[in-house]
N, C-alpha and C. Protein backbone atom coordinates (compact mmCIF):
# COMPACT_ATOMS: atom_id res chain seq x y z
N UNK A 1 27.95 6.90 -17.08
CA UNK A 1 26.72 6.49 -17.25
C UNK A 1 25.27 7.07 -16.90
N UNK A 2 25.74 7.69 -15.60
CA UNK A 2 24.01 9.04 -14.96
C UNK A 2 24.23 10.07 -16.11
N UNK A 3 25.48 10.55 -16.27
CA UNK A 3 25.52 11.59 -16.99
C UNK A 3 25.07 11.40 -18.93
N UNK A 4 25.25 10.37 -19.45
CA UNK A 4 23.98 9.40 -20.40
C UNK A 4 22.93 9.78 -19.88
N UNK A 5 22.63 8.95 -19.15
CA UNK A 5 21.31 8.51 -18.99
C UNK A 5 20.40 9.88 -18.90
N UNK A 6 20.82 11.10 -18.08
CA UNK A 6 20.26 12.31 -17.88
C UNK A 6 19.99 13.08 -19.19
N UNK A 7 21.30 13.13 -19.96
CA UNK A 7 21.31 13.30 -21.19
C UNK A 7 20.46 12.77 -22.37
N UNK A 8 20.27 11.63 -23.16
CA UNK A 8 19.89 10.70 -23.59
C UNK A 8 18.53 10.71 -23.25
N UNK A 9 17.78 11.18 -22.36
CA UNK A 9 16.34 10.88 -21.44
C UNK A 9 15.25 11.72 -21.66
N UNK A 10 13.79 11.52 -21.82
CA UNK A 10 13.06 12.73 -21.91
C UNK A 10 12.79 13.50 -20.23
N UNK A 11 12.08 14.00 -20.22
CA UNK A 11 11.50 14.80 -19.08
C UNK A 11 11.02 13.73 -18.32
N UNK A 12 10.33 12.80 -18.55
CA UNK A 12 9.73 11.79 -17.46
C UNK A 12 10.97 11.11 -17.37
N UNK A 13 11.93 10.60 -17.90
CA UNK A 13 13.07 9.94 -17.48
C UNK A 13 13.95 10.38 -16.79
N UNK A 14 14.07 12.03 -16.92
CA UNK A 14 15.00 12.70 -15.96
C UNK A 14 14.21 12.77 -14.44
N UNK A 15 12.71 12.76 -14.26
CA UNK A 15 12.19 13.00 -13.33
C UNK A 15 11.79 11.75 -12.15
N UNK A 16 12.25 10.10 -13.13
CA UNK A 16 12.59 9.10 -12.44
C UNK A 16 13.48 9.01 -12.06
N UNK A 17 14.84 9.43 -12.58
CA UNK A 17 15.78 9.32 -11.93
C UNK A 17 16.45 10.47 -10.62
N UNK A 18 15.61 11.41 -10.87
CA UNK A 18 15.26 12.45 -9.78
C UNK A 18 15.06 11.97 -8.71
N UNK A 19 13.55 11.06 -8.66
CA UNK A 19 13.21 10.24 -7.58
C UNK A 19 13.58 9.40 -7.05
N UNK A 20 14.49 8.81 -8.28
CA UNK A 20 15.00 7.56 -7.78
C UNK A 20 16.67 7.83 -6.60
N UNK A 21 16.88 9.13 -7.05
CA UNK A 21 18.24 9.72 -6.00
C UNK A 21 17.68 10.16 -4.56
N UNK A 22 16.67 10.58 -4.51
CA UNK A 22 15.63 10.95 -3.41
C UNK A 22 15.30 9.68 -2.32
N UNK A 23 14.79 8.89 -3.47
CA UNK A 23 14.73 6.95 -2.50
C UNK A 23 15.90 6.69 -1.89
N UNK A 24 16.90 7.25 -2.55
CA UNK A 24 18.41 6.33 -2.35
C UNK A 24 18.83 7.43 -0.96
N UNK A 25 18.77 8.57 -1.06
CA UNK A 25 18.81 9.26 0.00
C UNK A 25 18.26 8.64 1.19
N UNK A 26 16.68 8.48 0.59
CA UNK A 26 16.14 7.96 2.05
C UNK A 26 16.55 6.85 2.89
N UNK A 27 16.93 5.64 1.56
CA UNK A 27 17.32 4.26 1.98
C UNK A 27 18.53 4.54 2.63
N UNK A 28 19.50 5.40 2.71
CA UNK A 28 20.93 5.44 3.54
C UNK A 28 20.20 5.73 5.02
N UNK A 29 19.38 7.00 4.99
CA UNK A 29 19.45 7.76 5.95
C UNK A 29 18.58 6.89 6.88
N UNK A 30 17.37 5.69 6.68
CA UNK A 30 16.77 4.86 6.85
C UNK A 30 17.81 3.69 7.71
N UNK A 31 18.92 3.70 6.41
CA UNK A 31 19.72 2.60 7.07
C UNK A 31 20.34 2.91 8.23
N UNK A 32 20.93 4.37 8.12
CA UNK A 32 22.00 4.92 9.29
C UNK A 32 20.65 5.11 10.75
N UNK A 33 19.63 5.04 10.81
CA UNK A 33 18.53 5.08 11.68
C UNK A 33 18.67 3.65 11.93
N UNK A 34 18.97 2.98 11.29
CA UNK A 34 17.96 1.59 12.04
C UNK A 34 19.69 0.69 12.65
N UNK A 35 20.91 1.49 12.08
CA UNK A 35 21.78 1.03 13.09
C UNK A 35 22.53 2.01 13.82
N UNK A 36 21.44 2.65 14.05
CA UNK A 36 21.56 3.32 15.78
C UNK A 36 20.68 2.93 16.49
N UNK A 37 19.74 2.59 16.06
CA UNK A 37 18.81 1.71 16.96
C UNK A 37 18.92 0.57 17.57
N UNK A 38 19.54 -0.03 16.22
CA UNK A 38 20.16 -1.50 16.71
C UNK A 38 21.20 -1.87 17.72
N UNK A 39 22.58 -0.45 17.67
CA UNK A 39 23.27 -0.64 18.63
C UNK A 39 22.89 0.30 19.95
N UNK A 40 22.19 0.36 20.34
CA UNK A 40 21.43 1.18 21.17
C UNK A 40 20.80 0.41 22.21
N UNK A 41 20.22 -0.37 21.20
CA UNK A 41 19.70 -2.10 22.28
C UNK A 41 18.31 -1.97 22.17
N UNK A 42 18.03 -1.30 21.17
CA UNK A 42 16.48 -1.43 20.55
C UNK A 42 16.12 -1.98 18.94
N UNK A 43 16.75 -3.44 19.19
CA UNK A 43 16.78 -4.42 18.16
C UNK A 43 15.53 -4.94 17.50
N UNK A 44 14.28 -4.63 18.17
CA UNK A 44 13.19 -5.77 17.94
C UNK A 44 12.35 -3.98 17.70
N UNK A 45 13.10 -2.80 17.62
CA UNK A 45 12.17 -1.82 17.11
C UNK A 45 13.09 -1.29 15.26
N UNK A 46 13.84 -1.89 14.72
CA UNK A 46 14.55 -1.95 13.69
C UNK A 46 13.82 -2.09 12.45
N UNK A 47 12.81 -2.95 12.42
CA UNK A 47 12.14 -3.60 11.49
C UNK A 47 11.89 -2.82 10.76
N UNK A 48 10.59 -1.82 10.46
CA UNK A 48 10.65 -0.72 9.80
C UNK A 48 11.56 0.04 9.28
N UNK A 49 12.97 0.14 10.07
CA UNK A 49 13.79 1.04 9.24
C UNK A 49 14.76 0.03 7.97
N UNK A 50 14.44 -1.32 8.61
CA UNK A 50 14.91 -2.30 7.10
C UNK A 50 14.27 -2.30 6.20
N UNK A 51 13.06 -2.82 6.67
CA UNK A 51 12.03 -2.31 5.09
C UNK A 51 11.69 -1.18 4.55
N UNK A 52 12.10 0.11 5.19
CA UNK A 52 12.06 1.24 4.20
C UNK A 52 13.54 1.22 3.61
N UNK A 53 14.36 0.65 4.22
CA UNK A 53 15.99 1.07 3.21
C UNK A 53 15.72 0.16 2.24
N UNK A 54 15.08 -1.08 2.54
CA UNK A 54 15.13 -2.39 1.34
C UNK A 54 13.84 -2.15 0.22
N UNK A 55 12.77 -1.05 0.65
CA UNK A 55 11.88 -1.11 0.02
C UNK A 55 12.55 0.25 -0.93
N UNK A 56 12.88 1.24 -0.62
CA UNK A 56 13.01 2.07 -1.13
C UNK A 56 13.99 1.67 -2.00
N UNK A 57 15.61 0.99 -1.40
CA UNK A 57 16.57 1.12 -2.83
C UNK A 57 15.87 0.27 -4.14
N UNK A 58 15.20 -0.83 -4.06
CA UNK A 58 14.37 -1.23 -5.18
C UNK A 58 13.67 -0.75 -5.70
N UNK A 59 12.82 -0.17 -5.11
CA UNK A 59 12.05 1.03 -6.08
C UNK A 59 12.55 2.10 -6.72
N UNK A 60 14.04 2.26 -6.40
CA UNK A 60 15.27 3.40 -7.04
C UNK A 60 15.78 3.02 -8.28
N UNK A 61 16.22 1.25 -7.55
CA UNK A 61 16.65 0.70 -8.70
C UNK A 61 15.82 0.54 -9.93
N UNK A 62 14.38 0.39 -10.09
CA UNK A 62 13.69 0.19 -10.87
C UNK A 62 12.96 1.10 -11.68
N UNK A 63 12.85 2.45 -10.74
CA UNK A 63 12.96 3.60 -11.37
C UNK A 63 14.31 4.24 -12.19
N UNK A 64 15.45 3.62 -12.16
CA UNK A 64 17.01 4.23 -12.99
C UNK A 64 16.33 2.88 -14.15
N UNK A 65 16.11 1.55 -13.77
CA UNK A 65 15.75 0.69 -15.09
C UNK A 65 14.90 1.28 -15.64
N UNK A 66 13.86 1.80 -15.53
CA UNK A 66 13.06 2.32 -16.47
C UNK A 66 13.01 3.58 -17.66
N UNK A 67 14.04 4.17 -16.49
CA UNK A 67 14.07 5.50 -16.72
C UNK A 67 15.35 5.37 -17.87
N UNK A 68 16.24 4.35 -17.77
CA UNK A 68 17.35 4.03 -18.85
C UNK A 68 15.90 3.36 -19.88
N UNK A 69 15.51 2.27 -19.90
CA UNK A 69 14.74 1.85 -20.95
C UNK A 69 14.06 3.58 -21.77
N UNK A 70 14.05 3.94 -21.35
CA UNK A 70 12.72 5.43 -22.22
C UNK A 70 14.24 6.34 -22.73
N UNK A 71 15.55 6.32 -22.50
CA UNK A 71 16.49 6.67 -23.08
C UNK A 71 16.87 5.86 -24.32
N UNK A 72 17.46 7.01 -25.11
CA UNK A 72 17.87 6.02 -26.24
C UNK A 72 19.83 6.06 -26.06
N UNK A 73 19.94 5.42 -25.26
CA UNK A 73 21.14 4.80 -24.56
C UNK A 73 22.09 4.26 -25.75
N UNK A 74 23.29 4.87 -26.04
CA UNK A 74 24.10 3.84 -27.64
C UNK A 74 24.54 3.04 -26.44
C-alpha cells in the first residue's frame, strides 16, 4: 500500500506521507518517554506525553488519508 501511495500521488501527497512518517516517529518516542516517566513514579507528569502521542498519531493518520485521496489509487 505504501509503495502504491508514493507511486500514484503527486509531490504534495508525498510530502504529506513524509510528514506523517515524522509524526509517527514523534508519537512512538513520546509514548516510550511517557512509559518511562510513569514507571519511574512520575505518573502525574505523563499527560503531555500521552497528548503528544495521540495528537501526533491522529494527525499522521489524517495526512495519510488525505494523501491517498490525492493519489490515483487503483
